[in-house]
Protein backbone atom coordinates (compact mmCIF):
# COMPACT_ATOMS: atom_id res chain seq x y z
CA MET A 1 74.10 152.05 69.13
CA VAL A 2 75.27 148.48 69.66
CA ARG A 3 78.17 148.03 72.02
CA PRO A 4 80.63 145.20 71.46
CA SER A 5 80.52 142.49 74.05
CA LYS A 6 83.28 142.51 76.63
CA LEU A 7 82.98 138.78 77.30
CA ALA A 8 86.12 136.85 76.51
CA VAL A 9 85.61 133.47 74.96
CA THR A 10 87.98 131.01 76.58
CA GLY A 11 88.28 127.26 76.69
CA ALA A 12 86.83 124.68 74.39
CA HIS A 13 83.46 124.35 76.18
CA TYR A 14 83.27 120.56 75.93
CA GLY A 15 81.25 120.43 79.17
CA LEU A 16 78.19 118.21 78.87
CA LYS A 17 79.61 116.13 76.01
CA ASP A 18 82.72 115.25 78.05
CA TRP A 19 80.70 114.58 81.18
CA LEU A 20 78.35 112.25 79.31
CA THR A 21 81.18 110.51 77.44
CA GLN A 22 83.05 109.82 80.66
CA ARG A 23 79.91 108.40 82.29
CA VAL A 24 79.09 106.18 79.30
CA THR A 25 82.66 104.88 79.00
CA ALA A 26 82.77 104.26 82.77
CA VAL A 27 79.50 102.28 82.64
CA LEU A 28 80.70 100.20 79.68
CA MET A 29 84.02 99.44 81.39
CA THR A 30 82.20 98.51 84.60
CA LEU A 31 79.85 96.16 82.73
CA TYR A 32 82.83 94.49 81.03
CA LEU A 33 84.64 94.01 84.35
CA ILE A 34 81.53 92.61 86.03
CA GLY A 35 80.99 90.22 83.11
CA PHE A 36 84.64 89.17 83.16
CA ALA A 37 84.50 88.59 86.92
CA ILE A 38 81.37 86.43 86.48
CA VAL A 39 83.08 84.38 83.77
CA LEU A 40 86.10 83.89 86.03
CA CYS A 41 83.88 82.81 88.93
CA VAL A 42 81.79 80.42 86.85
CA ALA A 43 84.49 78.85 84.69
CA ALA A 44 87.90 79.96 85.90
CA PRO A 45 90.59 79.00 83.40
CA GLN A 46 93.19 76.83 85.12
CA ASP A 47 95.94 76.70 82.49
CA TYR A 48 97.26 78.43 79.40
CA ALA A 49 95.10 76.38 77.05
CA ALA A 50 91.94 77.37 78.94
CA TRP A 51 92.92 81.06 78.90
CA LYS A 52 93.66 80.82 75.19
CA ALA A 53 90.29 79.16 74.55
CA LEU A 54 88.50 81.87 76.55
CA SER A 55 90.26 84.69 74.74
CA GLY A 56 89.78 82.95 71.39
CA HIS A 57 86.05 83.61 71.28
CA GLN A 58 85.18 86.45 68.90
CA GLY A 59 82.72 87.97 71.38
CA VAL A 60 85.38 88.14 74.09
CA ARG A 61 87.80 89.78 71.68
CA ILE A 62 85.26 92.38 70.59
CA ALA A 63 84.19 93.10 74.19
CA THR A 64 87.84 93.45 75.21
CA LEU A 65 88.55 95.81 72.33
CA VAL A 66 85.50 97.91 73.23
CA PHE A 67 86.72 97.96 76.85
CA PHE A 68 90.12 99.29 75.81
CA ILE A 69 88.62 101.84 73.40
CA CYS A 70 86.48 103.11 76.29
CA LEU A 71 89.48 103.10 78.62
CA PHE A 72 91.67 105.12 76.25
CA TRP A 73 88.86 107.54 75.35
CA HIS A 74 88.10 108.02 79.06
CA ALA A 75 91.79 108.60 79.75
CA TRP A 76 92.11 111.06 76.87
CA ILE A 77 89.23 113.21 78.12
CA GLY A 78 90.69 113.28 81.62
CA MET A 79 94.21 114.06 80.43
CA ARG A 80 93.02 116.75 78.02
CA ASN A 81 91.01 118.45 80.74
CA ILE A 82 93.90 118.28 83.21
CA LEU A 83 96.31 119.72 80.65
CA MET A 84 93.87 122.47 79.66
CA ASP A 85 93.34 123.41 83.31
CA TYR A 86 96.92 123.29 84.56
CA VAL A 87 99.29 123.75 81.62
CA HIS A 88 98.59 127.23 80.31
CA PRO A 89 101.39 127.84 77.78
CA VAL A 90 100.17 126.43 74.47
CA ALA A 91 103.78 125.76 73.40
CA ILE A 92 104.02 123.21 76.22
CA ARG A 93 100.44 121.93 76.33
CA LEU A 94 100.11 121.10 72.62
CA PRO A 95 103.17 118.82 72.38
CA VAL A 96 102.13 117.05 75.59
CA GLN A 97 98.61 116.53 74.22
CA ILE A 98 100.07 115.19 70.97
CA ALA A 99 102.30 112.83 72.97
CA VAL A 100 99.30 111.57 74.98
CA ILE A 101 97.21 111.02 71.83
CA THR A 102 100.11 109.25 70.13
CA ALA A 103 100.69 106.98 73.14
CA LEU A 104 96.99 106.11 73.47
CA LEU A 105 96.69 105.31 69.76
CA PHE A 106 99.85 103.21 69.94
CA TYR A 107 98.38 101.28 72.88
CA LEU A 108 95.11 100.76 71.01
CA VAL A 109 96.93 99.32 67.99
CA TRP A 110 98.97 97.15 70.37
CA VAL A 111 95.79 95.82 72.02
CA ALA A 112 94.27 95.04 68.61
CA ASP A 113 97.49 93.26 67.58
CA ILE A 114 97.41 91.18 70.75
CA LEU A 115 93.75 90.30 70.30
CA TRP A 116 93.93 89.41 66.60
CA GLY A 117 97.67 88.97 65.99
């Protein structure tokens, strides 16, 4: 006779995937910031025209967009985990998660508009 399991399945079990994603995004953001700091130390822009020239390079734009994608993805994982751990009623947690996702996507579109607008 097979007895049904009494284990309750709870949570989304993101675990290793979230841990690895947060580490990878953190490393990419750190590399961007180190590279940006080196650029500022080597050839610090002194006026608006110099800043505009620096940010006008396609590589800088792409690296900046990747930085912000990593930042927002990193933030989403952290916020989702905090909300899952501390906001138990689904009727409250789900709208807050939707608001966070909406805000992060809005910010990403805003960043892209600034970089290429």
